[in-house]
Amino acid sequence: MTKEKKRKVTPQKTVEILKKHGTTVTLDEAKIILAMMYEFGKLAVNQDLIKGRH
């Protein structure tokens, strides 16, 4: 059974936010951006947890 991830920021919302700030991206590009941002988020949390152990 695969665990489906629920994400609050959709690719469409990402396109809208970036467009509002002068950057145009496609839905496919928005998906890549979001995937990268979620990975950065996981890395930041993991680093914080590791620092808390020392």
N, C-alpha and C. Protein backbone atom coordinates (compact mmCIF):
# COMPACT_ATOMS: atom_id res chain seq x y z
N MET A 1 0.84 -1.18 0.00
CA MET A 1 0.00 0.00 0.00
C MET A 1 0.89 1.25 0.00
N THR A 2 0.62 2.14 -0.92
CA THR A 2 1.42 3.37 -1.01
C THR A 2 0.75 4.47 -0.20
N LYS A 3 1.57 5.18 0.51
CA LYS A 3 1.06 6.29 1.30
C LYS A 3 1.05 7.54 0.43
N GLU A 4 -0.14 8.06 0.15
CA GLU A 4 -0.24 9.25 -0.67
C GLU A 4 -0.01 10.48 0.20
N LYS A 5 0.84 11.38 -0.30
CA LYS A 5 1.18 12.57 0.46
C LYS A 5 0.18 13.68 0.18
N LYS A 6 -0.30 14.29 1.24
CA LYS A 6 -1.17 15.45 1.08
C LYS A 6 -0.32 16.69 1.24
N ARG A 7 -0.42 17.56 0.27
CA ARG A 7 0.35 18.79 0.30
C ARG A 7 -0.61 19.95 0.19
N LYS A 8 -0.36 20.98 0.98
CA LYS A 8 -1.26 22.12 1.00
C LYS A 8 -1.04 23.08 -0.16
N VAL A 9 0.18 23.15 -0.66
CA VAL A 9 0.48 24.04 -1.77
C VAL A 9 0.45 23.22 -3.06
N THR A 10 -0.46 23.55 -3.94
CA THR A 10 -0.60 22.82 -5.20
C THR A 10 0.29 23.44 -6.26
N PRO A 11 0.59 22.69 -7.32
CA PRO A 11 1.35 23.27 -8.43
C PRO A 11 0.64 24.50 -9.01
N GLN A 12 -0.69 24.45 -9.13
CA GLN A 12 -1.43 25.59 -9.66
C GLN A 12 -1.26 26.82 -8.77
N LYS A 13 -1.32 26.62 -7.47
CA LYS A 13 -1.14 27.74 -6.53
C LYS A 13 0.28 28.29 -6.65
N THR A 14 1.24 27.42 -6.85
CA THR A 14 2.63 27.85 -7.04
C THR A 14 2.77 28.73 -8.28
N VAL A 15 2.12 28.31 -9.37
CA VAL A 15 2.14 29.10 -10.60
C VAL A 15 1.56 30.49 -10.33
N GLU A 16 0.42 30.54 -9.62
CA GLU A 16 -0.24 31.81 -9.33
C GLU A 16 0.64 32.72 -8.46
N ILE A 17 1.24 32.15 -7.42
CA ILE A 17 2.09 32.94 -6.52
C ILE A 17 3.28 33.51 -7.27
N LEU A 18 3.95 32.66 -8.04
CA LEU A 18 5.13 33.12 -8.77
C LEU A 18 4.76 34.16 -9.83
N LYS A 19 3.62 33.95 -10.50
CA LYS A 19 3.17 34.91 -11.51
C LYS A 19 2.91 36.27 -10.88
N LYS A 20 2.34 36.27 -9.69
CA LYS A 20 2.07 37.52 -8.97
C LYS A 20 3.36 38.29 -8.69
N HIS A 21 4.45 37.56 -8.58
CA HIS A 21 5.75 38.18 -8.29
C HIS A 21 6.64 38.29 -9.53
N GLY A 22 6.02 38.11 -10.71
CA GLY A 22 6.75 38.36 -11.95
C GLY A 22 7.50 37.19 -12.56
N THR A 23 7.25 35.99 -12.06
CA THR A 23 7.94 34.81 -12.60
C THR A 23 6.91 33.88 -13.22
N THR A 24 7.13 33.52 -14.47
CA THR A 24 6.20 32.63 -15.17
C THR A 24 6.80 31.23 -15.23
N VAL A 25 6.03 30.25 -14.75
CA VAL A 25 6.44 28.85 -14.82
C VAL A 25 5.26 28.01 -15.29
N THR A 26 5.57 26.85 -15.85
CA THR A 26 4.53 25.91 -16.27
C THR A 26 4.13 25.05 -15.07
N LEU A 27 3.04 24.30 -15.22
CA LEU A 27 2.63 23.40 -14.14
C LEU A 27 3.71 22.34 -13.87
N ASP A 28 4.33 21.84 -14.93
CA ASP A 28 5.40 20.85 -14.74
C ASP A 28 6.57 21.45 -13.96
N GLU A 29 6.93 22.67 -14.30
CA GLU A 29 8.02 23.33 -13.57
C GLU A 29 7.62 23.57 -12.11
N ALA A 30 6.36 23.92 -11.90
CA ALA A 30 5.88 24.15 -10.52
C ALA A 30 5.96 22.86 -9.70
N LYS A 31 5.66 21.74 -10.33
CA LYS A 31 5.75 20.44 -9.64
C LYS A 31 7.19 20.17 -9.22
N ILE A 32 8.13 20.48 -10.10
CA ILE A 32 9.55 20.27 -9.79
C ILE A 32 9.98 21.21 -8.66
N ILE A 33 9.56 22.45 -8.74
CA ILE A 33 9.89 23.44 -7.69
C ILE A 33 9.37 22.96 -6.34
N LEU A 34 8.11 22.52 -6.32
CA LEU A 34 7.52 22.05 -5.05
C LEU A 34 8.24 20.83 -4.51
N ALA A 35 8.57 19.89 -5.38
CA ALA A 35 9.29 18.69 -4.93
C ALA A 35 10.62 19.08 -4.30
N MET A 36 11.31 20.02 -4.92
CA MET A 36 12.60 20.48 -4.39
C MET A 36 12.40 21.19 -3.04
N MET A 37 11.39 22.03 -2.95
CA MET A 37 11.14 22.76 -1.70
C MET A 37 10.79 21.81 -0.56
N TYR A 38 9.98 20.79 -0.84
CA TYR A 38 9.65 19.81 0.19
C TYR A 38 10.89 19.03 0.62
N GLU A 39 11.78 18.72 -0.31
CA GLU A 39 13.04 18.05 0.03
C GLU A 39 13.91 18.94 0.91
N PHE A 40 13.99 20.23 0.56
CA PHE A 40 14.74 21.18 1.40
C PHE A 40 14.15 21.23 2.80
N GLY A 41 12.84 21.21 2.88
CA GLY A 41 12.17 21.22 4.18
C GLY A 41 12.53 20.01 5.02
N LYS A 42 12.52 18.83 4.39
CA LYS A 42 12.88 17.61 5.11
C LYS A 42 14.33 17.67 5.58
N LEU A 43 15.21 18.17 4.71
CA LEU A 43 16.63 18.29 5.09
C LEU A 43 16.80 19.23 6.28
N ALA A 44 16.09 20.34 6.26
CA ALA A 44 16.19 21.32 7.35
C ALA A 44 15.72 20.70 8.66
N VAL A 45 14.62 19.98 8.63
CA VAL A 45 14.10 19.34 9.84
C VAL A 45 15.09 18.30 10.35
N ASN A 46 15.62 17.48 9.43
CA ASN A 46 16.59 16.46 9.83
C ASN A 46 17.84 17.08 10.45
N GLN A 47 18.34 18.16 9.88
CA GLN A 47 19.52 18.82 10.43
C GLN A 47 19.22 19.37 11.82
N ASP A 48 18.04 19.92 11.99
CA ASP A 48 17.65 20.47 13.29
C ASP A 48 17.57 19.35 14.33
N LEU A 49 17.02 18.21 13.93
CA LEU A 49 16.91 17.07 14.85
C LEU A 49 18.29 16.55 15.23
N ILE A 50 19.19 16.47 14.25
CA ILE A 50 20.55 15.99 14.53
C ILE A 50 21.28 16.96 15.47
N LYS A 51 21.15 18.25 15.23
CA LYS A 51 21.79 19.23 16.11
C LYS A 51 21.25 19.16 17.52
N GLY A 52 19.97 18.84 17.66
CA GLY A 52 19.35 18.75 18.97
C GLY A 52 19.85 17.56 19.78
N ARG A 53 20.41 16.56 19.12
CA ARG A 53 20.91 15.37 19.80
C ARG A 53 22.27 15.57 20.41
N HIS A 54 23.02 16.57 19.93
CA HIS A 54 24.39 16.78 20.43
C HIS A 54 24.45 17.78 21.52
